[in-house]
Amino acid sequence: MSVSRRAKFISAFILPSVLMGTTLDGEALAQEGKPREIVSTISGGYFDDYLMLAVDEKAKTLSGYYNDGKCKFIFRDALSPTQLDQRSELGEAYVVDSWDPAHPDRHFTTKIYSKTPNGYRNQLTLEPGSRDENRPKACRDRISLDRSSWVSESFFDVGVVRKRGARVFTIAHAGEKPTPAPRENRLPPPGVGVWIERTYSAAFSPEGFVHLAWYDPPGTPRGGYVRQKDLYAPRPLP
């Protein structure tokens, strides 16, 4: 083969392969540089009877209330999974705005992650406000909890009772005003968490009221409408 024919062979077959390899390598490098998308798998429920966790897939919010009798705090934030800098091996994690329901001006951040193979189906860990002076003093630095039950997907948020002896209301027919339920049907005492349940039509969504669900005693479902002012006011998303 002559020198000129050999040069044409190299140009026609070898150089495109090299260039293709260079392009593919460049694409691979570009893909490696992209942040890996983290899929949200967290779901609502009770964890060790101390934590109520609600996930709103529609509004993309995550909320919860932790109360072990000494340490109490509520959190609410965007449903936005992230990766913790110091614990990247844990994968899907959340950093959420938190506060004592009685002191909404004292807010701090709580880290949420899971250390088990099945993730949030079985367990989660809270790290409330490490080294933050606004964190309730009785709270531990790290709180690990096992899932104790699941809840309805219609429970999209968590509230905390503010007023003692608050009345519960019912709506018998669409569009009617709420009417008081029997007096024995009362909200739990102040400081107790309740589930805020989604209503699916304007006829059952009276202004100034929310529909709640709770269990009193444990395992016995109760529910009804209550005035929003009888709950601690939720903080808007940061």
C-alpha atoms as a PDB file:
ATOM      1  CA  MET A   1       0.000   0.000   0.000  1.00  0.00           C
ATOM      2  CA  SER A   2       1.395   3.406  -0.961  1.00  0.00           C
ATOM      3  CA  VAL A   3       1.984   6.136   1.588  1.00  0.00           C
ATOM      4  CA  SER A   4      -0.858   8.230   0.211  1.00  0.00           C
ATOM      5  CA  ARG A   5      -3.323   5.317   0.254  1.00  0.00           C
ATOM      6  CA  ARG A   6      -2.259   4.447   3.827  1.00  0.00           C
ATOM      7  CA  ALA A   7      -2.900   8.041   4.919  1.00  0.00           C
ATOM      8  CA  LYS A   8      -6.373   7.935   3.385  1.00  0.00           C
ATOM      9  CA  PHE A   9      -7.116   4.653   5.209  1.00  0.00           C
ATOM     10  CA  ILE A  10      -6.102   6.161   8.543  1.00  0.00           C
ATOM     11  CA  SER A  11      -8.134   9.266   7.851  1.00  0.00           C
ATOM     12  CA  ALA A  12     -11.250   7.326   6.778  1.00  0.00           C
ATOM     13  CA  PHE A  13     -11.371   4.686   9.529  1.00  0.00           C
ATOM     14  CA  ILE A  14      -9.124   5.382  12.475  1.00  0.00           C
ATOM     15  CA  LEU A  15      -9.596   9.101  13.015  1.00  0.00           C
ATOM     16  CA  PRO A  16     -13.431   8.969  13.140  1.00  0.00           C
ATOM     17  CA  SER A  17     -13.178   6.182  15.729  1.00  0.00           C
ATOM     18  CA  VAL A  18     -10.831   8.251  17.837  1.00  0.00           C
ATOM     19  CA  LEU A  19     -13.030  11.287  17.535  1.00  0.00           C
ATOM     20  CA  MET A  20     -16.120   9.217  18.410  1.00  0.00           C
ATOM     21  CA  GLY A  21     -14.371   7.904  21.479  1.00  0.00           C
ATOM     22  CA  THR A  22     -13.438  11.433  22.451  1.00  0.00           C
ATOM     23  CA  THR A  23     -17.040  12.563  22.032  1.00  0.00           C
ATOM     24  CA  LEU A  24     -18.416   9.667  24.065  1.00  0.00           C
ATOM     25  CA  ASP A  25     -15.873  10.254  26.799  1.00  0.00           C
ATOM     26  CA  GLY A  26     -16.856  13.912  26.846  1.00  0.00           C
ATOM     27  CA  GLU A  27     -20.526  13.021  27.169  1.00  0.00           C
ATOM     28  CA  ALA A  28     -19.748  10.581  29.955  1.00  0.00           C
ATOM     29  CA  LEU A  29     -17.768  13.229  31.792  1.00  0.00           C
ATOM     30  CA  ALA A  30     -20.581  15.709  31.302  1.00  0.00           C
ATOM     31  CA  GLN A  31     -23.070  13.214  32.694  1.00  0.00           C
ATOM     32  CA  GLU A  32     -20.829  12.529  35.672  1.00  0.00           C
ATOM     33  CA  GLY A  33     -20.773  16.238  36.394  1.00  0.00           C
ATOM     34  CA  LYS A  34     -24.576  16.448  36.596  1.00  0.00           C
ATOM     35  CA  PRO A  35     -26.065  16.209  40.085  1.00  0.00           C
ATOM     36  CA  ARG A  36     -27.800  12.880  40.596  1.00  0.00           C
ATOM     37  CA  GLU A  37     -31.552  13.281  40.937  1.00  0.00           C
ATOM     38  CA  ILE A  38     -32.800  11.975  44.286  1.00  0.00           C
ATOM     39  CA  VAL A  39     -36.216  10.322  44.192  1.00  0.00           C
ATOM     40  CA  SER A  40     -38.500  10.950  47.157  1.00  0.00           C
ATOM     41  CA  THR A  41     -39.678   7.740  48.876  1.00  0.00           C
ATOM     42  CA  ILE A  42     -40.692   9.124  52.269  1.00  0.00           C
ATOM     43  CA  SER A  43     -44.307   8.503  53.308  1.00  0.00           C
ATOM     44  CA  GLY A  44     -46.607   9.531  56.132  1.00  0.00           C
ATOM     45  CA  GLY A  45     -47.482   7.652  59.298  1.00  0.00           C
ATOM     46  CA  TYR A  46     -46.717   7.213  62.987  1.00  0.00           C
ATOM     47  CA  PHE A  47     -43.187   6.470  64.156  1.00  0.00           C
ATOM     48  CA  ASP A  48     -42.909   4.995  67.670  1.00  0.00           C
ATOM     49  CA  ASP A  49     -46.096   6.906  68.650  1.00  0.00           C
ATOM     50  CA  TYR A  50     -43.946  10.031  69.102  1.00  0.00           C
ATOM     51  CA  LEU A  51     -43.779  11.314  65.539  1.00  0.00           C
ATOM     52  CA  MET A  52     -46.639  12.116  63.185  1.00  0.00           C
ATOM     53  CA  LEU A  53     -45.364  12.513  59.627  1.00  0.00           C
ATOM     54  CA  ALA A  54     -47.450  13.785  56.698  1.00  0.00           C
ATOM     55  CA  VAL A  55     -46.469  13.936  53.028  1.00  0.00           C
ATOM     56  CA  ASP A  56     -48.439  16.000  50.523  1.00  0.00           C
ATOM     57  CA  GLU A  57     -47.490  14.761  47.066  1.00  0.00           C
ATOM     58  CA  LYS A  58     -49.832  17.279  45.438  1.00  0.00           C
ATOM     59  CA  ALA A  59     -48.394  20.398  47.069  1.00  0.00           C
ATOM     60  CA  LYS A  60     -44.937  18.830  47.525  1.00  0.00           C
ATOM     61  CA  THR A  61     -44.722  19.511  51.257  1.00  0.00           C
ATOM     62  CA  LEU A  62     -43.405  17.516  54.200  1.00  0.00           C
ATOM     63  CA  SER A  63     -44.715  18.150  57.711  1.00  0.00           C
ATOM     64  CA  GLY A  64     -44.605  16.479  61.081  1.00  0.00           C
ATOM     65  CA  TYR A  65     -44.950  16.786  64.837  1.00  0.00           C
ATOM     66  CA  TYR A  66     -42.650  15.150  67.377  1.00  0.00           C
ATOM     67  CA  ASN A  67     -43.804  14.914  70.994  1.00  0.00           C
ATOM     68  CA  ASP A  68     -42.320  12.489  73.534  1.00  0.00           C
ATOM     69  CA  GLY A  69     -43.758  14.384  76.511  1.00  0.00           C
ATOM     70  CA  LYS A  70     -40.648  16.505  77.021  1.00  0.00           C
ATOM     71  CA  CYS A  71     -39.288  17.346  73.594  1.00  0.00           C
ATOM     72  CA  LYS A  72     -41.885  18.907  71.290  1.00  0.00           C
ATOM     73  CA  PHE A  73     -41.454  20.465  67.881  1.00  0.00           C
ATOM     74  CA  ILE A  74     -43.298  20.755  64.602  1.00  0.00           C
ATOM     75  CA  PHE A  75     -41.755  21.007  61.142  1.00  0.00           C
ATOM     76  CA  ARG A  76     -42.971  21.934  57.686  1.00  0.00           C
ATOM     77  CA  ASP A  77     -41.009  22.412  54.475  1.00  0.00           C
ATOM     78  CA  ALA A  78     -40.854  21.602  50.794  1.00  0.00           C
ATOM     79  CA  LEU A  79     -40.776  17.923  49.847  1.00  0.00           C
ATOM     80  CA  SER A  80     -37.275  18.280  48.467  1.00  0.00           C
ATOM     81  CA  PRO A  81     -34.884  15.350  49.029  1.00  0.00           C
ATOM     82  CA  THR A  82     -31.226  16.188  49.330  1.00  0.00           C
ATOM     83  CA  GLN A  83     -27.946  14.571  50.355  1.00  0.00           C
ATOM     84  CA  LEU A  84     -26.211  15.387  53.626  1.00  0.00           C
ATOM     85  CA  ASP A  85     -22.624  16.545  53.171  1.00  0.00           C
ATOM     86  CA  GLN A  86     -21.241  14.518  56.057  1.00  0.00           C
ATOM     87  CA  ARG A  87     -23.447  11.447  55.455  1.00  0.00           C
ATOM     88  CA  SER A  88     -23.685  11.035  51.705  1.00  0.00           C
ATOM     89  CA  GLU A  89     -23.835   7.243  52.073  1.00  0.00           C
ATOM     90  CA  LEU A  90     -27.326   7.605  53.578  1.00  0.00           C
ATOM     91  CA  GLY A  91     -28.773   8.910  50.306  1.00  0.00           C
ATOM     92  CA  GLU A  92     -32.219  10.511  50.456  1.00  0.00           C
ATOM     93  CA  ALA A  93     -32.419  13.055  53.276  1.00  0.00           C
ATOM     94  CA  TYR A  94     -34.394  16.172  54.174  1.00  0.00           C
ATOM     95  CA  VAL A  95     -33.518  19.425  55.937  1.00  0.00           C
ATOM     96  CA  VAL A  96     -36.710  21.043  57.230  1.00  0.00           C
ATOM     97  CA  ASP A  97     -37.716  24.227  59.005  1.00  0.00           C
ATOM     98  CA  SER A  98     -38.766  23.449  62.600  1.00  0.00           C
ATOM     99  CA  TRP A  99     -40.136  25.251  65.657  1.00  0.00           C
ATOM    100  CA  ASP A 100     -41.820  24.813  69.020  1.00  0.00           C
ATOM    101  CA  PRO A 101     -45.563  25.221  68.255  1.00  0.00           C
ATOM    102  CA  ALA A 102     -45.927  27.567  71.221  1.00  0.00           C
ATOM    103  CA  HIS A 103     -42.942  29.670  70.050  1.00  0.00           C
ATOM    104  CA  PRO A 104     -43.104  29.977  66.243  1.00  0.00           C
ATOM    105  CA  ASP A 105     -40.524  32.760  66.362  1.00  0.00           C
ATOM    106  CA  ARG A 106     -37.822  30.329  67.537  1.00  0.00           C
ATOM    107  CA  HIS A 107     -37.114  28.263  64.477  1.00  0.00           C
ATOM    108  CA  PHE A 108     -34.296  25.871  63.706  1.00  0.00           C
ATOM    109  CA  THR A 109     -33.580  23.179  61.127  1.00  0.00           C
ATOM    110  CA  THR A 110     -34.028  19.424  61.519  1.00  0.00           C
ATOM    111  CA  LYS A 111     -32.275  16.777  59.449  1.00  0.00           C
ATOM    112  CA  ILE A 112     -34.284  13.674  58.511  1.00  0.00           C
ATOM    113  CA  TYR A 113     -32.739  10.502  57.124  1.00  0.00           C
ATOM    114  CA  SER A 114     -33.040   6.722  57.317  1.00  0.00           C
ATOM    115  CA  LYS A 115     -30.360   4.185  58.212  1.00  0.00           C
ATOM    116  CA  THR A 116     -32.136   0.966  57.165  1.00  0.00           C
ATOM    117  CA  PRO A 117     -32.074  -0.904  53.818  1.00  0.00           C
ATOM    118  CA  ASN A 118     -35.830  -0.409  53.375  1.00  0.00           C
ATOM    119  CA  GLY A 119     -35.504   3.239  54.240  1.00  0.00           C
ATOM    120  CA  TYR A 120     -38.502   5.223  55.380  1.00  0.00           C
ATOM    121  CA  ARG A 121     -40.806   2.223  55.186  1.00  0.00           C
ATOM    122  CA  ASN A 122     -39.296   1.033  58.476  1.00  0.00           C
ATOM    123  CA  GLN A 123     -37.278   3.718  60.214  1.00  0.00           C
ATOM    124  CA  LEU A 124     -36.125   7.313  60.272  1.00  0.00           C
ATOM    125  CA  THR A 125     -33.776   9.469  62.321  1.00  0.00           C
ATOM    126  CA  LEU A 126     -34.249  13.104  63.342  1.00  0.00           C
ATOM    127  CA  GLU A 127     -31.434  15.504  64.190  1.00  0.00           C
ATOM    128  CA  PRO A 128     -33.194  18.618  65.520  1.00  0.00           C
ATOM    129  CA  GLY A 129     -31.202  21.831  65.515  1.00  0.00           C
ATOM    130  CA  SER A 130     -27.763  20.578  66.434  1.00  0.00           C
ATOM    131  CA  ARG A 131     -25.988  23.334  68.394  1.00  0.00           C
ATOM    132  CA  ASP A 132     -28.923  25.707  67.767  1.00  0.00           C
ATOM    133  CA  GLU A 133     -30.047  27.659  70.828  1.00  0.00           C
ATOM    134  CA  ASN A 134     -33.637  27.755  69.513  1.00  0.00           C
ATOM    135  CA  ARG A 135     -33.991  23.994  69.727  1.00  0.00           C
ATOM    136  CA  PRO A 136     -36.141  22.881  72.702  1.00  0.00           C
ATOM    137  CA  LYS A 137     -33.723  22.092  75.520  1.00  0.00           C
ATOM    138  CA  ALA A 138     -35.233  18.658  76.262  1.00  0.00           C
ATOM    139  CA  CYS A 139     -34.564  17.349  72.738  1.00  0.00           C
ATOM    140  CA  ARG A 140     -31.745  14.890  72.096  1.00  0.00           C
ATOM    141  CA  ASP A 141     -29.208  15.512  69.341  1.00  0.00           C
ATOM    142  CA  ARG A 142     -30.262  12.351  67.494  1.00  0.00           C
ATOM    143  CA  ILE A 143     -33.663  10.603  67.669  1.00  0.00           C
ATOM    144  CA  SER A 144     -34.134   7.261  65.888  1.00  0.00           C
ATOM    145  CA  LEU A 145     -37.688   5.965  65.462  1.00  0.00           C
ATOM    146  CA  ASP A 146     -39.295   2.835  64.018  1.00  0.00           C
ATOM    147  CA  ARG A 147     -42.465   3.037  61.961  1.00  0.00           C
ATOM    148  CA  SER A 148     -45.502   1.910  63.963  1.00  0.00           C
ATOM    149  CA  SER A 149     -48.261   2.467  61.380  1.00  0.00           C
ATOM    150  CA  TRP A 150     -49.300   3.991  58.081  1.00  0.00           C
ATOM    151  CA  VAL A 151     -52.009   6.613  57.531  1.00  0.00           C
ATOM    152  CA  SER A 152     -54.362   7.663  54.756  1.00  0.00           C
ATOM    153  CA  GLU A 153     -52.893   9.670  51.883  1.00  0.00           C
ATOM    154  CA  SER A 154     -55.700  12.186  52.486  1.00  0.00           C
ATOM    155  CA  PHE A 155     -53.849  13.254  55.657  1.00  0.00           C
ATOM    156  CA  PHE A 156     -51.745  15.910  53.983  1.00  0.00           C
ATOM    157  CA  ASP A 157     -50.608  17.996  56.962  1.00  0.00           C
ATOM    158  CA  VAL A 158     -50.175  17.890  60.732  1.00  0.00           C
ATOM    159  CA  GLY A 159     -51.658  20.336  63.207  1.00  0.00           C
ATOM    160  CA  VAL A 160     -51.281  20.902  66.951  1.00  0.00           C
ATOM    161  CA  VAL A 161     -54.216  21.681  69.267  1.00  0.00           C
ATOM    162  CA  ARG A 162     -53.986  25.142  70.838  1.00  0.00           C
ATOM    163  CA  LYS A 163     -57.321  25.722  72.614  1.00  0.00           C
ATOM    164  CA  ARG A 164     -58.582  23.560  75.484  1.00  0.00           C
ATOM    165  CA  GLY A 165     -62.104  22.202  75.050  1.00  0.00           C
ATOM    166  CA  ALA A 166     -62.401  23.410  71.443  1.00  0.00           C
ATOM    167  CA  ARG A 167     -65.693  22.485  69.786  1.00  0.00           C
ATOM    168  CA  VAL A 168     -65.902  20.046  66.899  1.00  0.00           C
ATOM    169  CA  PHE A 169     -68.376  20.643  64.053  1.00  0.00           C
ATOM    170  CA  THR A 170     -70.058  18.550  61.365  1.00  0.00           C
ATOM    171  CA  ILE A 171     -71.543  19.244  57.935  1.00  0.00           C
ATOM    172  CA  ALA A 172     -74.530  17.023  57.217  1.00  0.00           C
ATOM    173  CA  HIS A 173     -75.220  18.183  53.659  1.00  0.00           C
ATOM    174  CA  ALA A 174     -73.102  19.833  50.984  1.00  0.00           C
ATOM    175  CA  GLY A 175     -73.005  23.600  51.268  1.00  0.00           C
ATOM    176  CA  GLU A 176     -74.473  23.773  54.781  1.00  0.00           C
ATOM    177  CA  LYS A 177     -72.780  25.702  57.544  1.00  0.00           C
ATOM    178  CA  PRO A 178     -70.888  23.654  60.142  1.00  0.00           C
ATOM    179  CA  THR A 179     -73.033  22.712  63.125  1.00  0.00           C
ATOM    180  CA  PRO A 180     -71.670  21.768  66.576  1.00  0.00           C
ATOM    181  CA  ALA A 181     -71.162  18.071  67.211  1.00  0.00           C
ATOM    182  CA  PRO A 182     -72.254  16.528  70.537  1.00  0.00           C
ATOM    183  CA  ARG A 183     -70.371  18.137  73.410  1.00  0.00           C
ATOM    184  CA  GLU A 184     -68.567  14.917  74.302  1.00  0.00           C
ATOM    185  CA  ASN A 185     -66.900  15.011  70.895  1.00  0.00           C
ATOM    186  CA  ARG A 186     -64.060  17.331  71.797  1.00  0.00           C
ATOM    187  CA  LEU A 187     -60.597  17.898  70.482  1.00  0.00           C
ATOM    188  CA  PRO A 188     -57.707  16.375  72.442  1.00  0.00           C
ATOM    189  CA  PRO A 189     -55.932  18.615  74.989  1.00  0.00           C
ATOM    190  CA  PRO A 190     -53.594  21.409  73.893  1.00  0.00           C
ATOM    191  CA  GLY A 191     -50.239  20.210  72.615  1.00  0.00           C
ATOM    192  CA  VAL A 192     -51.634  17.030  71.040  1.00  0.00           C
ATOM    193  CA  GLY A 193     -51.064  16.463  67.330  1.00  0.00           C
ATOM    194  CA  VAL A 194     -53.916  15.932  64.861  1.00  0.00           C
ATOM    195  CA  TRP A 195     -54.063  15.031  61.180  1.00  0.00           C
ATOM    196  CA  ILE A 196     -55.329  17.680  58.759  1.00  0.00           C
ATOM    197  CA  GLU A 197     -57.420  15.934  56.121  1.00  0.00           C
ATOM    198  CA  ARG A 198     -57.976  17.090  52.566  1.00  0.00           C
ATOM    199  CA  THR A 199     -61.524  18.053  51.559  1.00  0.00           C
ATOM    200  CA  TYR A 200     -62.264  17.612  47.884  1.00  0.00           C
ATOM    201  CA  SER A 201     -64.984  20.165  47.170  1.00  0.00           C
ATOM    202  CA  ALA A 202     -65.848  23.747  48.063  1.00  0.00           C
ATOM    203  CA  ALA A 203     -69.156  22.539  49.515  1.00  0.00           C
ATOM    204  CA  PHE A 204     -67.239  20.724  52.242  1.00  0.00           C
ATOM    205  CA  SER A 205     -64.495  23.334  52.707  1.00  0.00           C
ATOM    206  CA  PRO A 206     -66.031  26.138  54.813  1.00  0.00           C
ATOM    207  CA  GLU A 207     -63.885  29.212  55.273  1.00  0.00           C
ATOM    208  CA  GLY A 208     -62.033  29.356  58.577  1.00  0.00           C
ATOM    209  CA  PHE A 209     -62.388  25.612  59.245  1.00  0.00           C
ATOM    210  CA  VAL A 210     -60.237  22.549  58.631  1.00  0.00           C
ATOM    211  CA  HIS A 211     -61.263  18.902  58.723  1.00  0.00           C
ATOM    212  CA  LEU A 212     -59.261  16.869  61.217  1.00  0.00           C
ATOM    213  CA  ALA A 213     -58.761  13.235  62.132  1.00  0.00           C
ATOM    214  CA  TRP A 214     -57.337  11.859  65.381  1.00  0.00           C
ATOM    215  CA  TYR A 215     -57.424   8.700  67.490  1.00  0.00           C
ATOM    216  CA  ASP A 216     -58.773   8.871  71.035  1.00  0.00           C
ATOM    217  CA  PRO A 217     -58.197   6.489  72.678  1.00  0.00           C
ATOM    218  CA  PRO A 218     -55.452   5.042  70.445  1.00  0.00           C
ATOM    219  CA  GLY A 219     -56.995   2.926  67.717  1.00  0.00           C
ATOM    220  CA  THR A 220     -60.371   4.687  67.893  1.00  0.00           C
ATOM    221  CA  PRO A 221     -60.769   7.067  64.920  1.00  0.00           C
ATOM    222  CA  ARG A 222     -62.457  10.416  65.445  1.00  0.00           C
ATOM    223  CA  GLY A 223     -62.871  13.430  63.220  1.00  0.00           C
ATOM    224  CA  GLY A 224     -64.703  16.606  62.383  1.00  0.00           C
ATOM    225  CA  TYR A 225     -64.333  20.233  61.472  1.00  0.00           C
ATOM    226  CA  VAL A 226     -62.618  22.679  63.828  1.00  0.00           C
ATOM    227  CA  ARG A 227     -61.877  26.347  63.607  1.00  0.00           C
ATOM    228  CA  GLN A 228     -58.380  27.020  62.320  1.00  0.00           C
ATOM    229  CA  LYS A 229     -57.787  29.431  65.203  1.00  0.00           C
ATOM    230  CA  ASP A 230     -58.151  26.508  67.649  1.00  0.00           C
ATOM    231  CA  LEU A 231     -54.900  25.067  66.270  1.00  0.00           C
ATOM    232  CA  TYR A 232     -51.450  26.587  66.463  1.00  0.00           C
ATOM    233  CA  ALA A 233     -51.009  28.635  63.312  1.00  0.00           C
ATOM    234  CA  PRO A 234     -48.764  26.945  60.741  1.00  0.00           C
ATOM    235  CA  ARG A 235     -45.722  28.831  59.525  1.00  0.00           C
ATOM    236  CA  PRO A 236     -45.589  29.526  55.778  1.00  0.00           C
ATOM    237  CA  LEU A 237     -42.985  27.646  53.790  1.00  0.00           C
ATOM    238  CA  PRO A 238     -39.581  29.381  53.944  1.00  0.00           C
END
